[in-house]
Amino acid sequence: TPSLSFLVFGDWGGGKWWQPGSDDRQRLVASGMKKVSDTSNRGADFVLGVGDNFYSEGVKSKADRKWRDHFEDVYTAEQFPMTFYMVLGNHDCGENPQAQIDYHRLVTEQATGR
């Protein structure tokens, strides 16, 4: 029977300036996600993020440093060779919510060549 396997996570927004060590906890969650994906028969088909991706006010642009520090370097392409589908939460709307949509489009274009 066809099946679908995916990971869901939310409230992952690293870089909490008021909570020292949050980046370490973010890496622990990524490690746990990888273990869960590896224990399924064929890994995860995709990852669904359900909001609050960047604390505390989102990102400024698709070139914001938070992308590298709190997403690309934590949920690496080598560990997670699947698409991430992200929903915006209230903490993502302070700076530039459109930047997260633009970043997704950029990554999709790079991955597909379109």
Protein backbone atom coordinates (compact mmCIF):
# COMPACT_ATOMS: atom_id res chain seq x y z
CA THR A 1 0.00 0.00 0.00
CA PRO A 2 1.40 3.46 -0.83
CA SER A 3 2.32 5.47 2.21
CA LEU A 4 3.66 8.86 3.09
CA SER A 5 6.20 9.58 5.80
CA PHE A 6 6.90 13.08 7.08
CA LEU A 7 8.20 15.00 10.07
CA VAL A 8 6.29 17.86 11.73
CA PHE A 9 7.85 20.43 14.00
CA GLY A 10 6.98 23.88 15.27
CA ASP A 11 8.14 26.61 17.56
CA TRP A 12 11.69 25.80 16.50
CA GLY A 13 12.85 29.38 15.96
CA GLY A 14 16.42 29.47 17.18
CA GLY A 15 18.30 32.53 18.25
CA LYS A 16 16.31 33.37 21.32
CA TRP A 17 18.44 36.18 22.71
CA TRP A 18 16.64 35.93 26.05
CA GLN A 19 17.24 32.19 26.35
CA PRO A 20 20.97 31.32 26.25
CA GLY A 21 21.68 27.86 24.89
CA SER A 22 18.60 27.75 22.64
CA ASP A 23 20.81 26.95 19.64
CA ASP A 24 22.09 23.84 21.42
CA ARG A 25 18.52 22.69 22.04
CA GLN A 26 17.68 23.35 18.39
CA ARG A 27 20.54 21.03 17.35
CA LEU A 28 19.26 18.35 19.75
CA VAL A 29 15.83 18.53 18.13
CA ALA A 30 17.43 18.22 14.66
CA SER A 31 19.34 15.17 15.86
CA GLY A 32 16.12 13.61 17.17
CA MET A 33 14.33 14.35 13.91
CA LYS A 34 17.12 12.65 12.00
CA LYS A 35 16.92 9.57 14.24
CA VAL A 36 13.17 9.30 13.76
CA SER A 37 13.54 9.69 9.99
CA ASP A 38 16.29 7.06 9.90
CA THR A 39 14.19 4.50 11.80
CA SER A 40 11.33 4.58 9.31
CA ASN A 41 11.48 2.17 6.40
CA ARG A 42 12.36 4.80 3.84
CA GLY A 43 12.97 8.05 5.69
CA ALA A 44 10.78 11.11 5.56
CA ASP A 45 9.30 12.38 2.31
CA PHE A 46 9.19 15.97 3.59
CA VAL A 47 9.22 18.15 6.70
CA LEU A 48 6.30 20.34 7.74
CA GLY A 49 7.11 23.33 9.93
CA VAL A 50 4.05 24.70 11.68
CA GLY A 51 5.25 28.18 12.59
CA ASP A 52 7.40 30.33 14.84
CA ASN A 53 10.39 29.64 12.63
CA PHE A 54 12.55 32.58 13.73
CA TYR A 55 12.42 34.26 17.11
CA SER A 56 11.63 36.76 18.02
CA GLU A 57 10.54 38.85 15.06
CA GLY A 58 11.14 36.68 11.98
CA VAL A 59 13.77 37.53 9.33
CA LYS A 60 14.62 40.78 7.56
CA SER A 61 15.27 39.32 4.10
CA LYS A 62 15.97 36.09 2.24
CA ALA A 63 19.66 36.88 2.83
CA ASP A 64 19.24 37.33 6.61
CA ARG A 65 22.00 35.64 8.62
CA LYS A 66 19.37 33.74 10.62
CA TRP A 67 18.82 31.48 7.60
CA ARG A 68 22.36 30.16 7.84
CA ASP A 69 22.73 30.19 11.62
CA HIS A 70 19.34 28.78 12.60
CA PHE A 71 18.20 26.78 9.59
CA GLU A 72 20.83 25.77 7.02
CA ASP A 73 23.55 24.96 9.58
CA VAL A 74 21.12 23.09 11.87
CA TYR A 75 18.84 21.23 9.45
CA THR A 76 21.54 20.48 6.91
CA ALA A 77 20.84 19.29 3.38
CA GLU A 78 23.00 16.23 4.06
CA GLN A 79 20.91 15.18 7.05
CA PHE A 80 17.57 16.25 5.59
CA PRO A 81 17.59 15.75 1.81
CA MET A 82 13.90 16.53 1.52
CA THR A 83 11.70 19.58 1.08
CA PHE A 84 10.73 21.68 4.09
CA TYR A 85 7.23 23.18 3.84
CA MET A 86 6.88 26.01 6.32
CA VAL A 87 3.88 27.83 7.77
CA LEU A 88 4.37 31.26 9.31
CA GLY A 89 3.60 31.78 12.99
CA ASN A 90 3.06 34.97 14.95
CA HIS A 91 6.81 35.30 15.67
CA ASP A 92 7.55 35.20 11.94
CA CYS A 93 5.52 38.29 11.07
CA GLY A 94 7.43 41.05 12.85
CA GLU A 95 10.21 41.86 10.38
CA ASN A 96 9.38 40.74 6.82
CA PRO A 97 7.06 37.74 6.45
CA GLN A 98 7.41 37.87 2.66
CA ALA A 99 11.14 37.09 3.08
CA GLN A 100 10.31 33.55 4.25
CA ILE A 101 8.11 33.01 1.20
CA ASP A 102 10.82 34.43 -1.07
CA TYR A 103 13.46 32.20 0.54
CA HIS A 104 11.33 29.11 -0.09
CA ARG A 105 10.93 30.11 -3.74
CA LEU A 106 14.68 30.67 -4.07
CA VAL A 107 15.53 27.26 -2.59
CA THR A 108 12.88 25.55 -4.73
CA GLU A 109 14.26 27.20 -7.88
CA GLN A 110 17.79 26.12 -6.99
CA ALA A 111 16.70 22.54 -6.30
CA THR A 112 14.56 22.13 -9.40
CA GLY A 113 16.35 24.43 -11.84
CA ARG A 114 13.07 26.29 -12.47
